[in-house]
Amino acid sequence: MLNSAVAINQFQLAGFQKIAADIPEATLYTPAAGHQHLPVWVMGHLALTGEMGQQLLGGSVTHPEWMPLFAPGSSGDVPADTALTKQAMIEAVTTAYTQLQKMALEDATPELLAKPHGIGLFDGTPIQTIGDAVTLLLTNHFGFHSAQLSSCRREAGFGPLF
């Protein structure tokens, strides 16, 4: 049921890896000129929301300690932490979404996808079911934050990738 969303996310994840590879380690904690997010926040937010998507499909959040830093609605302020390196964040995003893709293809039954998601942020919106929320995470949400990270990459002096 989520084959198209997974295919889109696979494409976007490959783009994310190219974008993130060029982000200078020294700029991880520098706010972007336009959106003001730190590159480390963008990557941490993507990783955590990928894990939250897994939770919707019966999995669990691997990094619950990241909730205050990277959860939806978090401030975006991330204190410098030697454990939050560029490589660690790229791996966290890649792992979270590779697993979410797998779960979306293998564990997402029509019955599960039709259930209400229970996410207050989406109350009163067309995003009503677990299927809607997982599709959003795999497509629009991932693409939106990848674009933010791309602006950080361009700000660091890199040209277009595509």
Protein backbone atom coordinates (compact mmCIF):
# COMPACT_ATOMS: atom_id res chain seq x y z
CA MET A 1 0.00 0.00 0.00
CA LEU A 2 2.85 2.38 0.73
CA ASN A 3 5.02 1.32 -2.23
CA SER A 4 4.98 4.73 -3.89
CA ALA A 5 5.76 6.58 -0.64
CA VAL A 6 8.68 4.21 -0.01
CA ALA A 7 10.01 4.71 -3.55
CA ILE A 8 9.84 8.49 -3.10
CA ASN A 9 11.62 8.25 0.24
CA GLN A 10 14.34 6.03 -1.22
CA PHE A 11 14.95 8.71 -3.87
CA GLN A 12 14.91 11.50 -1.27
CA LEU A 13 17.19 9.58 1.12
CA ALA A 14 19.80 9.24 -1.62
CA GLY A 15 19.57 13.02 -2.15
CA PHE A 16 19.80 13.65 1.59
CA GLN A 17 23.02 11.61 1.77
CA LYS A 18 24.60 13.71 -0.99
CA ILE A 19 23.47 16.95 0.64
CA ALA A 20 24.59 15.96 4.13
CA ALA A 21 27.99 14.72 2.93
CA ASP A 22 28.88 18.29 1.91
CA ILE A 23 27.76 19.98 5.14
CA PRO A 24 30.97 21.12 6.86
CA GLU A 25 31.31 19.64 10.34
CA ALA A 26 32.21 23.13 11.58
CA THR A 27 28.77 24.47 10.56
CA LEU A 28 26.62 21.82 12.29
CA TYR A 29 25.74 24.29 15.05
CA THR A 30 25.47 27.42 12.89
CA PRO A 31 21.92 28.68 12.19
CA ALA A 32 21.03 28.86 8.51
CA ALA A 33 20.53 32.35 7.14
CA GLY A 34 16.97 31.76 5.93
CA HIS A 35 15.19 29.25 8.15
CA GLN A 36 17.51 29.67 11.17
CA HIS A 37 17.70 25.92 11.91
CA LEU A 38 21.01 24.31 12.78
CA PRO A 39 22.04 21.54 10.37
CA VAL A 40 22.39 19.22 13.39
CA TRP A 41 18.78 20.00 14.34
CA VAL A 42 17.49 19.26 10.84
CA MET A 43 19.27 15.90 10.77
CA GLY A 44 18.30 15.03 14.35
CA HIS A 45 14.68 15.97 13.66
CA LEU A 46 14.59 13.77 10.57
CA ALA A 47 16.14 10.86 12.45
CA LEU A 48 13.74 11.17 15.36
CA THR A 49 10.62 11.57 13.23
CA GLY A 50 11.67 8.53 11.20
CA GLU A 51 11.80 6.60 14.46
CA MET A 52 8.42 8.04 15.45
CA GLY A 53 7.07 6.73 12.14
CA GLN A 54 8.39 3.30 13.05
CA GLN A 55 6.52 3.60 16.35
CA LEU A 56 3.28 4.18 14.43
CA LEU A 57 3.87 0.85 12.68
CA GLY A 58 4.57 -1.08 15.90
CA GLY A 59 8.27 -0.29 16.35
CA SER A 60 9.95 1.92 18.89
CA VAL A 61 11.92 5.14 19.16
CA THR A 62 15.63 4.31 19.28
CA HIS A 63 16.72 7.71 20.60
CA PRO A 64 14.11 8.78 23.19
CA GLU A 65 16.73 11.03 24.80
CA TRP A 66 16.59 13.16 21.63
CA MET A 67 12.93 14.10 22.17
CA PRO A 68 13.64 17.43 23.94
CA LEU A 69 16.14 18.43 21.24
CA PHE A 70 14.55 17.24 18.00
CA ALA A 71 10.86 16.40 18.47
CA PRO A 72 8.17 18.31 16.57
CA GLY A 73 7.77 21.66 18.30
CA SER A 74 11.26 21.63 19.83
CA SER A 75 13.02 24.98 20.05
CA GLY A 76 15.78 24.15 17.59
CA ASP A 77 18.42 25.01 20.18
CA VAL A 78 20.90 22.15 20.36
CA PRO A 79 23.90 22.46 22.68
CA ALA A 80 27.18 21.34 21.15
CA ASP A 81 27.64 17.63 21.80
CA THR A 82 30.63 15.64 20.59
CA ALA A 83 28.38 12.59 20.07
CA LEU A 84 26.23 14.48 17.54
CA THR A 85 28.75 14.44 14.71
CA LYS A 86 27.81 14.81 11.08
CA GLN A 87 28.52 11.14 10.42
CA ALA A 88 26.49 10.02 13.45
CA MET A 89 23.54 12.13 12.32
CA ILE A 90 23.72 10.89 8.71
CA GLU A 91 23.76 7.32 10.00
CA ALA A 92 20.83 7.99 12.34
CA VAL A 93 18.70 9.43 9.52
CA THR A 94 19.67 6.65 7.11
CA THR A 95 18.96 3.93 9.67
CA ALA A 96 15.64 5.47 10.76
CA TYR A 97 14.29 5.79 7.25
CA THR A 98 15.66 2.52 5.91
CA GLN A 99 13.87 0.77 8.79
CA LEU A 100 10.70 2.85 8.29
CA GLN A 101 10.69 1.91 4.60
CA LYS A 102 11.08 -1.78 5.50
CA MET A 103 8.28 -1.61 8.06
CA ALA A 104 6.04 0.29 5.63
CA LEU A 105 6.42 -2.50 3.10
CA GLU A 106 6.37 -5.50 5.46
CA ASP A 107 4.35 -4.57 8.55
CA ALA A 108 1.82 -1.99 7.38
CA THR A 109 -1.39 -3.95 7.00
CA PRO A 110 -4.45 -2.19 5.58
CA GLU A 111 -6.09 -2.50 9.00
CA LEU A 112 -3.16 -0.82 10.78
CA LEU A 113 -2.88 1.95 8.20
CA ALA A 114 -6.60 2.74 8.53
CA LYS A 115 -6.38 3.35 12.31
CA PRO A 116 -6.33 6.89 13.71
CA HIS A 117 -2.77 8.10 14.30
CA GLY A 118 -3.42 9.89 17.60
CA ILE A 119 -1.02 12.76 16.82
CA GLY A 120 -2.40 16.00 18.26
CA LEU A 121 -0.40 18.12 15.82
CA PHE A 122 -2.63 16.82 13.01
CA ASP A 123 -5.98 17.33 14.76
CA GLY A 124 -8.37 19.07 12.40
CA THR A 125 -6.28 18.32 9.31
CA PRO A 126 -6.80 15.85 6.46
CA ILE A 127 -4.01 13.71 8.00
CA GLN A 128 -6.31 11.29 9.86
CA THR A 129 -4.84 7.78 9.78
CA ILE A 130 -1.57 6.02 10.48
CA GLY A 131 -1.28 5.54 6.72
CA ASP A 132 -1.63 9.29 6.16
CA ALA A 133 0.99 10.09 8.83
CA VAL A 134 3.51 7.53 7.56
CA THR A 135 3.02 8.69 3.98
CA LEU A 136 3.61 12.29 5.09
CA LEU A 137 6.80 11.32 6.94
CA LEU A 138 8.15 9.37 3.97
CA THR A 139 7.42 12.11 1.44
CA ASN A 140 6.52 15.72 2.22
CA HIS A 141 8.11 15.98 5.66
CA PHE A 142 11.36 14.36 4.58
CA GLY A 143 11.55 16.50 1.44
CA PHE A 144 10.80 19.72 3.29
CA HIS A 145 13.59 19.24 5.82
CA SER A 146 16.01 17.97 3.18
CA ALA A 147 15.43 21.27 1.38
CA GLN A 148 16.33 23.12 4.58
CA LEU A 149 19.53 21.10 4.82
CA SER A 150 20.22 21.79 1.15
CA SER A 151 20.05 25.52 1.86
CA CYS A 152 22.72 25.01 4.57
CA ARG A 153 24.85 23.20 2.00
CA ARG A 154 24.43 26.00 -0.56
CA GLU A 155 25.21 28.59 2.11
CA ALA A 156 28.51 26.75 2.67
CA GLY A 157 29.40 27.51 -0.96
CA PHE A 158 28.41 24.33 -2.78
CA GLY A 159 26.66 24.41 -6.15
CA PRO A 160 23.52 22.56 -7.16
CA LEU A 161 23.49 18.77 -6.95
CA PHE A 162 20.67 18.15 -9.40
